[in-house]
Amino acid sequence: MKTKKQDEFEEQTDAETEEPEVVEEETPETAPEDSSEEQSETGELLKRLNEAEESAKQNQEKYLRTVADLDNFRRRVAKEREDLRDVAIASVIEELLPAMDNLRLGLQAADNHPEAKDVAYGFRMVADQLKKTLQTFGLDEEEPTGKTFDPNLHDCMSHEAHDTVPEGEVIQTVRPGYRLKKRLLRAASVVVSSGPASEDKED
């Protein structure tokens, strides 16, 4: 007859010899979903990158246009400033031309008086200095004697027959003309040759 201790020992032995129950781990089935989400995020990032590149390109074009417009504005302002300066200088020079003509005529008259030689020399120095000063502003004096008559630059006072000077050539400059850069301030007053004298022309 088994004792109580023997029964307990047998129960303990049976419990130890029982095979442990194997529990299978369940593998997650969410891998395809994670891959799809990654592709979606990558596509969204690429879309944002393309939009950023397009925006940067547009901003660069706007910047280049702005720089070009600013450069053109600066050139236009500089050109307008230079034109205004030339207009102001031209108006002052036009006021000085009658005085320069009188000084020139006075020096020509003084050449006929030897006693006024020293005084004429001093005034001629002043006239030359004034002419050089005006030349620094772009003033050019036109004395077309010996040149072909140009109605755009010369004012014909009269025609004279001349045996050696061909027809249409300037014989004498009565009053010089002046040009400020490309702008004609005053046309030169000239006498133009009508060619050799002939009986038909005399008639």
C-alpha atoms as a PDB file:
ATOM      1  CA  MET A   1       0.000   0.000   0.000  1.00  0.00           C
ATOM      2  CA  LYS A   2       1.393   3.361  -1.119  1.00  0.00           C
ATOM      3  CA  THR A   3       1.980   5.894   1.475  1.00  0.00           C
ATOM      4  CA  LYS A   4       1.091   9.516   1.142  1.00  0.00           C
ATOM      5  CA  LYS A   5       4.693  10.499   0.511  1.00  0.00           C
ATOM      6  CA  GLN A   6       5.016   8.001  -2.316  1.00  0.00           C
ATOM      7  CA  ASP A   7       1.951   9.484  -4.015  1.00  0.00           C
ATOM      8  CA  GLU A   8       3.358  12.969  -3.788  1.00  0.00           C
ATOM      9  CA  PHE A   9       6.673  11.801  -5.240  1.00  0.00           C
ATOM     10  CA  GLU A  10       5.004  10.130  -8.192  1.00  0.00           C
ATOM     11  CA  GLU A  11       2.933  13.236  -8.949  1.00  0.00           C
ATOM     12  CA  GLN A  12       6.066  15.383  -8.873  1.00  0.00           C
ATOM     13  CA  THR A  13       7.858  12.988 -11.235  1.00  0.00           C
ATOM     14  CA  ASP A  14       4.976  12.976 -13.693  1.00  0.00           C
ATOM     15  CA  ALA A  15       4.925  16.787 -13.718  1.00  0.00           C
ATOM     16  CA  GLU A  16       8.661  16.949 -14.471  1.00  0.00           C
ATOM     17  CA  THR A  17       8.471  14.432 -17.298  1.00  0.00           C
ATOM     18  CA  GLU A  18       5.652  16.192 -19.112  1.00  0.00           C
ATOM     19  CA  GLU A  19       6.874  17.925 -22.265  1.00  0.00           C
ATOM     20  CA  PRO A  20       6.504  21.679 -22.177  1.00  0.00           C
ATOM     21  CA  GLU A  21       3.950  23.123 -24.496  1.00  0.00           C
ATOM     22  CA  VAL A  22       5.565  24.862 -27.462  1.00  0.00           C
ATOM     23  CA  VAL A  23       4.096  28.283 -28.134  1.00  0.00           C
ATOM     24  CA  GLU A  24       4.548  29.435 -31.718  1.00  0.00           C
ATOM     25  CA  GLU A  25       5.374  33.115 -32.153  1.00  0.00           C
ATOM     26  CA  GLU A  26       3.106  34.934 -34.478  1.00  0.00           C
ATOM     27  CA  THR A  27       4.981  36.771 -37.204  1.00  0.00           C
ATOM     28  CA  PRO A  28       3.734  40.292 -37.853  1.00  0.00           C
ATOM     29  CA  GLU A  29       1.801  40.631 -41.046  1.00  0.00           C
ATOM     30  CA  THR A  30       2.262  44.458 -41.330  1.00  0.00           C
ATOM     31  CA  ALA A  31       5.399  44.450 -43.549  1.00  0.00           C
ATOM     32  CA  PRO A  32       3.595  45.187 -46.834  1.00  0.00           C
ATOM     33  CA  GLU A  33       1.773  48.108 -45.237  1.00  0.00           C
ATOM     34  CA  ASP A  34       5.061  49.576 -43.947  1.00  0.00           C
ATOM     35  CA  SER A  35       6.608  49.355 -47.455  1.00  0.00           C
ATOM     36  CA  SER A  36       3.618  51.138 -48.978  1.00  0.00           C
ATOM     37  CA  GLU A  37       3.855  53.928 -46.419  1.00  0.00           C
ATOM     38  CA  GLU A  38       7.579  54.366 -47.131  1.00  0.00           C
ATOM     39  CA  GLN A  39       6.905  54.658 -50.857  1.00  0.00           C
ATOM     40  CA  SER A  40       4.196  57.227 -50.216  1.00  0.00           C
ATOM     41  CA  GLU A  41       6.515  59.305 -48.015  1.00  0.00           C
ATOM     42  CA  THR A  42       9.291  59.095 -50.644  1.00  0.00           C
ATOM     43  CA  GLY A  43       6.918  60.250 -53.368  1.00  0.00           C
ATOM     44  CA  GLU A  44       5.780  63.154 -51.201  1.00  0.00           C
ATOM     45  CA  LEU A  45       9.393  64.171 -50.514  1.00  0.00           C
ATOM     46  CA  LEU A  46      10.257  64.039 -54.223  1.00  0.00           C
ATOM     47  CA  LYS A  47       7.212  66.145 -55.010  1.00  0.00           C
ATOM     48  CA  ARG A  48       8.249  68.740 -52.438  1.00  0.00           C
ATOM     49  CA  LEU A  49      11.824  68.702 -53.781  1.00  0.00           C
ATOM     50  CA  ASN A  50      10.627  69.341 -57.338  1.00  0.00           C
ATOM     51  CA  GLU A  51       8.412  72.179 -56.131  1.00  0.00           C
ATOM     52  CA  ALA A  52      11.329  73.690 -54.205  1.00  0.00           C
ATOM     53  CA  GLU A  53      13.617  73.466 -57.267  1.00  0.00           C
ATOM     54  CA  GLU A  54      10.973  75.101 -59.469  1.00  0.00           C
ATOM     55  CA  SER A  55      10.459  77.865 -56.918  1.00  0.00           C
ATOM     56  CA  ALA A  56      14.222  78.432 -56.679  1.00  0.00           C
ATOM     57  CA  LYS A  57      14.453  78.636 -60.472  1.00  0.00           C
ATOM     58  CA  GLN A  58      11.644  81.188 -60.636  1.00  0.00           C
ATOM     59  CA  ASN A  59      13.218  83.254 -57.861  1.00  0.00           C
ATOM     60  CA  GLN A  60      16.558  83.227 -59.683  1.00  0.00           C
ATOM     61  CA  GLU A  61      14.907  84.433 -62.898  1.00  0.00           C
ATOM     62  CA  LYS A  62      13.134  87.200 -60.980  1.00  0.00           C
ATOM     63  CA  TYR A  63      16.441  88.179 -59.391  1.00  0.00           C
ATOM     64  CA  LEU A  64      18.230  88.332 -62.751  1.00  0.00           C
ATOM     65  CA  ARG A  65      15.414  90.414 -64.267  1.00  0.00           C
ATOM     66  CA  THR A  66      15.516  92.769 -61.305  1.00  0.00           C
ATOM     67  CA  VAL A  67      19.291  93.186 -61.607  1.00  0.00           C
ATOM     68  CA  ALA A  68      18.957  93.874 -65.360  1.00  0.00           C
ATOM     69  CA  ASP A  69      16.176  96.406 -64.769  1.00  0.00           C
ATOM     70  CA  LEU A  70      18.250  98.142 -62.102  1.00  0.00           C
ATOM     71  CA  ASP A  71      21.272  98.290 -64.421  1.00  0.00           C
ATOM     72  CA  ASN A  72      19.145  99.738 -67.227  1.00  0.00           C
ATOM     73  CA  PHE A  73      17.654 102.282 -64.799  1.00  0.00           C
ATOM     74  CA  ARG A  74      21.104 103.398 -63.682  1.00  0.00           C
ATOM     75  CA  ARG A  75      22.286 103.803 -67.271  1.00  0.00           C
ATOM     76  CA  ARG A  76      19.130 105.723 -68.175  1.00  0.00           C
ATOM     77  CA  VAL A  77      19.515 108.050 -65.177  1.00  0.00           C
ATOM     78  CA  ALA A  78      23.189 108.629 -66.011  1.00  0.00           C
ATOM     79  CA  LYS A  79      22.288 109.392 -69.639  1.00  0.00           C
ATOM     80  CA  GLU A  80      19.528 111.799 -68.584  1.00  0.00           C
ATOM     81  CA  ARG A  81      21.894 113.502 -66.137  1.00  0.00           C
ATOM     82  CA  GLU A  82      24.504 113.898 -68.881  1.00  0.00           C
ATOM     83  CA  ASP A  83      21.894 115.273 -71.305  1.00  0.00           C
ATOM     84  CA  LEU A  84      20.691 117.810 -68.718  1.00  0.00           C
ATOM     85  CA  ARG A  85      24.299 118.834 -68.101  1.00  0.00           C
ATOM     86  CA  ASP A  86      24.878 119.316 -71.841  1.00  0.00           C
ATOM     87  CA  VAL A  87      21.708 121.394 -72.157  1.00  0.00           C
ATOM     88  CA  ALA A  88      22.775 123.618 -69.270  1.00  0.00           C
ATOM     89  CA  ILE A  89      26.280 124.049 -70.722  1.00  0.00           C
ATOM     90  CA  ALA A  90      24.854 124.750 -74.172  1.00  0.00           C
ATOM     91  CA  SER A  91      22.572 127.485 -72.841  1.00  0.00           C
ATOM     92  CA  VAL A  92      25.508 129.192 -71.101  1.00  0.00           C
ATOM     93  CA  ILE A  93      27.746 128.945 -74.170  1.00  0.00           C
ATOM     94  CA  GLU A  94      25.029 130.338 -76.441  1.00  0.00           C
ATOM     95  CA  GLU A  95      24.912 133.400 -74.188  1.00  0.00           C
ATOM     96  CA  LEU A  96      28.697 133.748 -74.471  1.00  0.00           C
ATOM     97  CA  LEU A  97      28.873 133.477 -78.265  1.00  0.00           C
ATOM     98  CA  PRO A  98      28.037 137.165 -78.996  1.00  0.00           C
ATOM     99  CA  ALA A  99      30.752 138.278 -76.564  1.00  0.00           C
ATOM    100  CA  MET A 100      33.229 135.902 -78.207  1.00  0.00           C
ATOM    101  CA  ASP A 101      32.292 137.290 -81.639  1.00  0.00           C
ATOM    102  CA  ASN A 102      32.865 140.874 -80.466  1.00  0.00           C
ATOM    103  CA  LEU A 103      36.206 139.904 -78.938  1.00  0.00           C
ATOM    104  CA  ARG A 104      37.225 138.261 -82.202  1.00  0.00           C
ATOM    105  CA  LEU A 105      36.226 141.300 -84.262  1.00  0.00           C
ATOM    106  CA  GLY A 106      38.059 143.596 -81.848  1.00  0.00           C
ATOM    107  CA  LEU A 107      41.262 141.583 -82.203  1.00  0.00           C
ATOM    108  CA  GLN A 108      40.959 141.681 -85.996  1.00  0.00           C
ATOM    109  CA  ALA A 109      40.596 145.460 -85.863  1.00  0.00           C
ATOM    110  CA  ALA A 110      43.553 145.756 -83.474  1.00  0.00           C
ATOM    111  CA  ASP A 111      45.789 143.973 -85.997  1.00  0.00           C
ATOM    112  CA  ASN A 112      45.474 147.052 -88.212  1.00  0.00           C
ATOM    113  CA  HIS A 113      46.835 149.300 -85.447  1.00  0.00           C
ATOM    114  CA  PRO A 114      50.473 148.563 -84.584  1.00  0.00           C
ATOM    115  CA  GLU A 115      50.319 150.817 -81.535  1.00  0.00           C
ATOM    116  CA  ALA A 116      47.745 148.473 -79.957  1.00  0.00           C
ATOM    117  CA  LYS A 117      49.890 145.385 -80.491  1.00  0.00           C
ATOM    118  CA  ASP A 118      50.655 144.790 -76.810  1.00  0.00           C
ATOM    119  CA  VAL A 119      47.043 145.248 -75.732  1.00  0.00           C
ATOM    120  CA  ALA A 120      45.825 142.995 -78.546  1.00  0.00           C
ATOM    121  CA  TYR A 121      48.322 140.325 -77.465  1.00  0.00           C
ATOM    122  CA  GLY A 122      46.892 140.310 -73.938  1.00  0.00           C
ATOM    123  CA  PHE A 123      43.295 140.069 -75.147  1.00  0.00           C
ATOM    124  CA  ARG A 124      44.277 137.316 -77.581  1.00  0.00           C
ATOM    125  CA  MET A 125      45.663 135.288 -74.682  1.00  0.00           C
ATOM    126  CA  VAL A 126      42.363 135.740 -72.819  1.00  0.00           C
ATOM    127  CA  ALA A 127      40.412 134.659 -75.908  1.00  0.00           C
ATOM    128  CA  ASP A 128      42.587 131.562 -76.362  1.00  0.00           C
ATOM    129  CA  GLN A 129      42.203 130.629 -72.693  1.00  0.00           C
ATOM    130  CA  LEU A 130      38.435 131.016 -72.903  1.00  0.00           C
ATOM    131  CA  LYS A 131      38.328 128.854 -76.032  1.00  0.00           C
ATOM    132  CA  LYS A 132      40.411 126.103 -74.390  1.00  0.00           C
ATOM    133  CA  THR A 133      38.198 126.172 -71.310  1.00  0.00           C
ATOM    134  CA  LEU A 134      35.060 125.752 -73.412  1.00  0.00           C
ATOM    135  CA  GLN A 135      36.723 122.953 -75.365  1.00  0.00           C
ATOM    136  CA  THR A 136      37.008 120.949 -72.136  1.00  0.00           C
ATOM    137  CA  PHE A 137      33.196 120.937 -72.057  1.00  0.00           C
ATOM    138  CA  GLY A 138      33.051 119.550 -75.606  1.00  0.00           C
ATOM    139  CA  LEU A 139      32.786 122.795 -77.606  1.00  0.00           C
ATOM    140  CA  ASP A 140      34.257 122.709 -81.129  1.00  0.00           C
ATOM    141  CA  GLU A 141      34.724 125.765 -83.342  1.00  0.00           C
ATOM    142  CA  GLU A 142      33.880 125.353 -87.023  1.00  0.00           C
ATOM    143  CA  GLU A 143      35.776 127.427 -89.597  1.00  0.00           C
ATOM    144  CA  PRO A 144      34.967 125.706 -92.892  1.00  0.00           C
ATOM    145  CA  THR A 145      37.109 127.870 -95.169  1.00  0.00           C
ATOM    146  CA  GLY A 146      38.375 125.664 -97.990  1.00  0.00           C
ATOM    147  CA  LYS A 147      35.758 122.962 -97.335  1.00  0.00           C
ATOM    148  CA  THR A 148      32.710 121.979 -99.360  1.00  0.00           C
ATOM    149  CA  PHE A 149      29.588 123.889 -98.436  1.00  0.00           C
ATOM    150  CA  ASP A 150      27.189 121.859 -96.268  1.00  0.00           C
ATOM    151  CA  PRO A 151      23.735 123.410 -95.787  1.00  0.00           C
ATOM    152  CA  ASN A 152      23.283 121.382 -92.596  1.00  0.00           C
ATOM    153  CA  LEU A 153      26.329 122.995 -90.996  1.00  0.00           C
ATOM    154  CA  HIS A 154      26.860 126.260 -92.861  1.00  0.00           C
ATOM    155  CA  ASP A 155      24.857 129.413 -93.452  1.00  0.00           C
ATOM    156  CA  CYS A 156      25.585 130.876 -96.913  1.00  0.00           C
ATOM    157  CA  MET A 157      25.776 134.669 -96.748  1.00  0.00           C
ATOM    158  CA  SER A 158      26.558 135.164-100.457  1.00  0.00           C
ATOM    159  CA  HIS A 159      28.087 133.636-103.584  1.00  0.00           C
ATOM    160  CA  GLU A 160      31.156 135.027-105.263  1.00  0.00           C
ATOM    161  CA  ALA A 161      32.851 134.075-108.507  1.00  0.00           C
ATOM    162  CA  HIS A 162      36.371 132.791-108.055  1.00  0.00           C
ATOM    163  CA  ASP A 163      38.846 131.679-110.693  1.00  0.00           C
ATOM    164  CA  THR A 164      40.765 129.180-108.518  1.00  0.00           C
ATOM    165  CA  VAL A 165      38.212 128.000-105.990  1.00  0.00           C
ATOM    166  CA  PRO A 166      35.774 125.436-107.433  1.00  0.00           C
ATOM    167  CA  GLU A 167      32.054 125.981-107.281  1.00  0.00           C
ATOM    168  CA  GLY A 168      30.399 125.006-104.005  1.00  0.00           C
ATOM    169  CA  GLU A 169      33.520 125.487-101.880  1.00  0.00           C
ATOM    170  CA  VAL A 170      33.686 127.958 -98.985  1.00  0.00           C
ATOM    171  CA  ILE A 171      35.825 130.980 -99.819  1.00  0.00           C
ATOM    172  CA  GLN A 172      35.575 132.846 -96.523  1.00  0.00           C
ATOM    173  CA  THR A 173      34.222 132.255 -93.018  1.00  0.00           C
ATOM    174  CA  VAL A 174      32.434 135.428 -91.953  1.00  0.00           C
ATOM    175  CA  ARG A 175      31.439 134.081 -88.554  1.00  0.00           C
ATOM    176  CA  PRO A 176      32.590 130.726 -87.138  1.00  0.00           C
ATOM    177  CA  GLY A 177      30.125 128.058 -86.157  1.00  0.00           C
ATOM    178  CA  TYR A 178      30.071 126.101 -82.915  1.00  0.00           C
ATOM    179  CA  ARG A 179      29.141 122.556 -82.059  1.00  0.00           C
ATOM    180  CA  LEU A 180      28.754 121.057 -78.573  1.00  0.00           C
ATOM    181  CA  LYS A 181      29.533 117.354 -78.982  1.00  0.00           C
ATOM    182  CA  LYS A 182      26.910 116.240 -81.550  1.00  0.00           C
ATOM    183  CA  ARG A 183      24.659 119.276 -81.099  1.00  0.00           C
ATOM    184  CA  LEU A 184      25.024 122.201 -83.500  1.00  0.00           C
ATOM    185  CA  LEU A 185      24.828 125.423 -81.504  1.00  0.00           C
ATOM    186  CA  ARG A 186      25.324 127.800 -84.408  1.00  0.00           C
ATOM    187  CA  ALA A 187      25.945 127.344 -88.106  1.00  0.00           C
ATOM    188  CA  ALA A 188      28.989 129.028 -89.590  1.00  0.00           C
ATOM    189  CA  SER A 189      28.259 132.059 -91.774  1.00  0.00           C
ATOM    190  CA  VAL A 190      30.237 131.671 -95.007  1.00  0.00           C
ATOM    191  CA  VAL A 191      30.803 132.988 -98.498  1.00  0.00           C
ATOM    192  CA  VAL A 192      30.573 130.270-101.150  1.00  0.00           C
ATOM    193  CA  SER A 193      32.343 130.166-104.482  1.00  0.00           C
ATOM    194  CA  SER A 194      30.209 130.131-107.605  1.00  0.00           C
ATOM    195  CA  GLY A 195      33.124 129.005-109.756  1.00  0.00           C
ATOM    196  CA  PRO A 196      35.065 130.874-112.428  1.00  0.00           C
ATOM    197  CA  ALA A 197      33.383 133.972-113.814  1.00  0.00           C
ATOM    198  CA  SER A 198      31.873 133.652-117.304  1.00  0.00           C
ATOM    199  CA  GLU A 199      29.864 135.852-119.638  1.00  0.00           C
ATOM    200  CA  ASP A 200      26.693 133.812-118.995  1.00  0.00           C
ATOM    201  CA  LYS A 201      27.038 134.215-115.241  1.00  0.00           C
ATOM    202  CA  GLU A 202      27.772 137.918-115.602  1.00  0.00           C
ATOM    203  CA  ASP A 203      24.649 138.326-117.722  1.00  0.00           C
END
